[in-house]
Amino acid sequence: MKLKLKRSILAMLNACDGVPAPEIALLSAVRVHAQPEQPSESDILDALRDVENKRYAAAVTDELTNERTWTLTSKGVHKAREGS
């Protein structure tokens, strides 16, 4: 399931076409995209950490709201296109 979650994360961020995705929206989109499995939030966050550690995606935290937004790196764009 973790591989499917990673692919879903890359696909969802690639669909954003460079526009930063709020983490809460990304988690919801990945949960829907990963159906029929029902991943928990911690499953998705674990996969998201792996994607970040492999430098496929990067997060920025807003200093005022502490909300995180995510975008693909150029390496992530390439990886997302491989999977499509």
C-alpha atoms as a PDB file:
ATOM      1  CA  MET A   1       0.000   0.000   0.000  1.00  0.00           C
ATOM      2  CA  LYS A   2       2.882   2.396   0.719  1.00  0.00           C
ATOM      3  CA  LEU A   3       3.999   2.335  -2.919  1.00  0.00           C
ATOM      4  CA  LYS A   4       0.454   3.162  -4.033  1.00  0.00           C
ATOM      5  CA  LEU A   5       0.353   6.059  -1.557  1.00  0.00           C
ATOM      6  CA  LYS A   6       3.651   7.441  -2.851  1.00  0.00           C
ATOM      7  CA  ARG A   7       2.377   7.251  -6.430  1.00  0.00           C
ATOM      8  CA  SER A   8      -0.849   8.957  -5.362  1.00  0.00           C
ATOM      9  CA  ILE A   9       1.102  11.751  -3.662  1.00  0.00           C
ATOM     10  CA  LEU A  10       3.187  12.319  -6.790  1.00  0.00           C
ATOM     11  CA  ALA A  11       0.092  12.226  -9.016  1.00  0.00           C
ATOM     12  CA  MET A  12      -1.856  14.665  -6.844  1.00  0.00           C
ATOM     13  CA  LEU A  13       1.031  17.134  -6.610  1.00  0.00           C
ATOM     14  CA  ASN A  14       1.692  16.834 -10.341  1.00  0.00           C
ATOM     15  CA  ALA A  15      -1.968  17.654 -11.007  1.00  0.00           C
ATOM     16  CA  CYS A  16      -1.444  20.917  -9.098  1.00  0.00           C
ATOM     17  CA  ASP A  17       0.924  21.997 -11.891  1.00  0.00           C
ATOM     18  CA  GLY A  18       3.329  23.830  -9.600  1.00  0.00           C
ATOM     19  CA  VAL A  19       0.720  25.458  -7.380  1.00  0.00           C
ATOM     20  CA  PRO A  20       1.497  24.648  -3.715  1.00  0.00           C
ATOM     21  CA  ALA A  21      -1.000  22.194  -2.233  1.00  0.00           C
ATOM     22  CA  PRO A  22      -2.077  22.676   1.389  1.00  0.00           C
ATOM     23  CA  GLU A  23      -1.185  19.571   3.373  1.00  0.00           C
ATOM     24  CA  ILE A  24      -4.765  18.974   4.560  1.00  0.00           C
ATOM     25  CA  ALA A  25      -6.051  19.052   0.966  1.00  0.00           C
ATOM     26  CA  LEU A  26      -3.229  16.785  -0.182  1.00  0.00           C
ATOM     27  CA  LEU A  27      -4.004  14.227   2.532  1.00  0.00           C
ATOM     28  CA  SER A  28      -7.691  14.201   1.568  1.00  0.00           C
ATOM     29  CA  ALA A  29      -6.942  13.872  -2.144  1.00  0.00           C
ATOM     30  CA  VAL A  30      -4.497  11.023  -1.580  1.00  0.00           C
ATOM     31  CA  ARG A  31      -7.003   9.210   0.652  1.00  0.00           C
ATOM     32  CA  VAL A  32      -9.619   9.369  -2.125  1.00  0.00           C
ATOM     33  CA  HIS A  33      -7.105   8.494  -4.859  1.00  0.00           C
ATOM     34  CA  ALA A  34      -5.904   5.425  -2.911  1.00  0.00           C
ATOM     35  CA  GLN A  35      -9.357   3.769  -2.886  1.00  0.00           C
ATOM     36  CA  PRO A  36     -10.395   0.995  -2.387  1.00  0.00           C
ATOM     37  CA  GLU A  37      -7.768   0.884   0.374  1.00  0.00           C
ATOM     38  CA  GLN A  38      -8.528   3.069   3.355  1.00  0.00           C
ATOM     39  CA  PRO A  39      -5.174   4.462   4.463  1.00  0.00           C
ATOM     40  CA  SER A  40      -4.943   6.230   7.777  1.00  0.00           C
ATOM     41  CA  GLU A  41      -3.583   9.746   8.042  1.00  0.00           C
ATOM     42  CA  SER A  42      -0.412   8.348   9.612  1.00  0.00           C
ATOM     43  CA  ASP A  43       0.026   5.955   6.646  1.00  0.00           C
ATOM     44  CA  ILE A  44      -0.205   8.875   4.230  1.00  0.00           C
ATOM     45  CA  LEU A  45       2.099  11.082   6.311  1.00  0.00           C
ATOM     46  CA  ASP A  46       4.648   8.256   6.461  1.00  0.00           C
ATOM     47  CA  ALA A  47       4.572   7.933   2.667  1.00  0.00           C
ATOM     48  CA  LEU A  48       4.783  11.728   2.354  1.00  0.00           C
ATOM     49  CA  ARG A  49       7.915  11.757   4.552  1.00  0.00           C
ATOM     50  CA  ASP A  50       9.470   9.136   2.266  1.00  0.00           C
ATOM     51  CA  VAL A  51       8.647  11.243  -0.794  1.00  0.00           C
ATOM     52  CA  GLU A  52      10.190  14.268   0.908  1.00  0.00           C
ATOM     53  CA  ASN A  53      13.297  12.314   2.008  1.00  0.00           C
ATOM     54  CA  LYS A  54      13.849  11.191  -1.582  1.00  0.00           C
ATOM     55  CA  ARG A  55      13.572  14.859  -2.582  1.00  0.00           C
ATOM     56  CA  TYR A  56      10.574  14.341  -4.865  1.00  0.00           C
ATOM     57  CA  ALA A  57       8.572  16.961  -2.949  1.00  0.00           C
ATOM     58  CA  ALA A  58       9.255  19.893  -0.666  1.00  0.00           C
ATOM     59  CA  ALA A  59       7.164  21.526   2.021  1.00  0.00           C
ATOM     60  CA  VAL A  60       7.030  25.102   3.241  1.00  0.00           C
ATOM     61  CA  THR A  61       5.484  26.018   6.586  1.00  0.00           C
ATOM     62  CA  ASP A  62       3.678  29.349   6.863  1.00  0.00           C
ATOM     63  CA  GLU A  63       5.115  31.219   9.839  1.00  0.00           C
ATOM     64  CA  LEU A  64       1.793  32.798  10.782  1.00  0.00           C
ATOM     65  CA  THR A  65      -0.550  29.834  10.495  1.00  0.00           C
ATOM     66  CA  ASN A  66       1.860  26.878  10.786  1.00  0.00           C
ATOM     67  CA  GLU A  67       0.126  25.375   7.737  1.00  0.00           C
ATOM     68  CA  ARG A  68       2.318  23.383   5.393  1.00  0.00           C
ATOM     69  CA  THR A  69       2.072  23.461   1.627  1.00  0.00           C
ATOM     70  CA  TRP A  70       3.673  20.964  -0.729  1.00  0.00           C
ATOM     71  CA  THR A  71       5.086  21.127  -4.241  1.00  0.00           C
ATOM     72  CA  LEU A  72       6.997  18.728  -6.431  1.00  0.00           C
ATOM     73  CA  THR A  73      10.693  19.291  -6.998  1.00  0.00           C
ATOM     74  CA  SER A  74      12.021  18.958 -10.553  1.00  0.00           C
ATOM     75  CA  LYS A  75      13.088  15.417  -9.610  1.00  0.00           C
ATOM     76  CA  GLY A  76       9.531  14.787  -8.405  1.00  0.00           C
ATOM     77  CA  VAL A  77       8.006  16.103 -11.625  1.00  0.00           C
ATOM     78  CA  HIS A  78      10.167  13.672 -13.557  1.00  0.00           C
ATOM     79  CA  LYS A  79       9.197  10.787 -11.252  1.00  0.00           C
ATOM     80  CA  ALA A  80       5.491  11.684 -11.421  1.00  0.00           C
ATOM     81  CA  ARG A  81       5.617  11.685 -15.232  1.00  0.00           C
ATOM     82  CA  GLU A  82       7.280   8.249 -15.207  1.00  0.00           C
ATOM     83  CA  GLY A  83       4.302   6.871 -13.307  1.00  0.00           C
ATOM     84  CA  SER A  84       1.607   8.310 -15.574  1.00  0.00           C
END
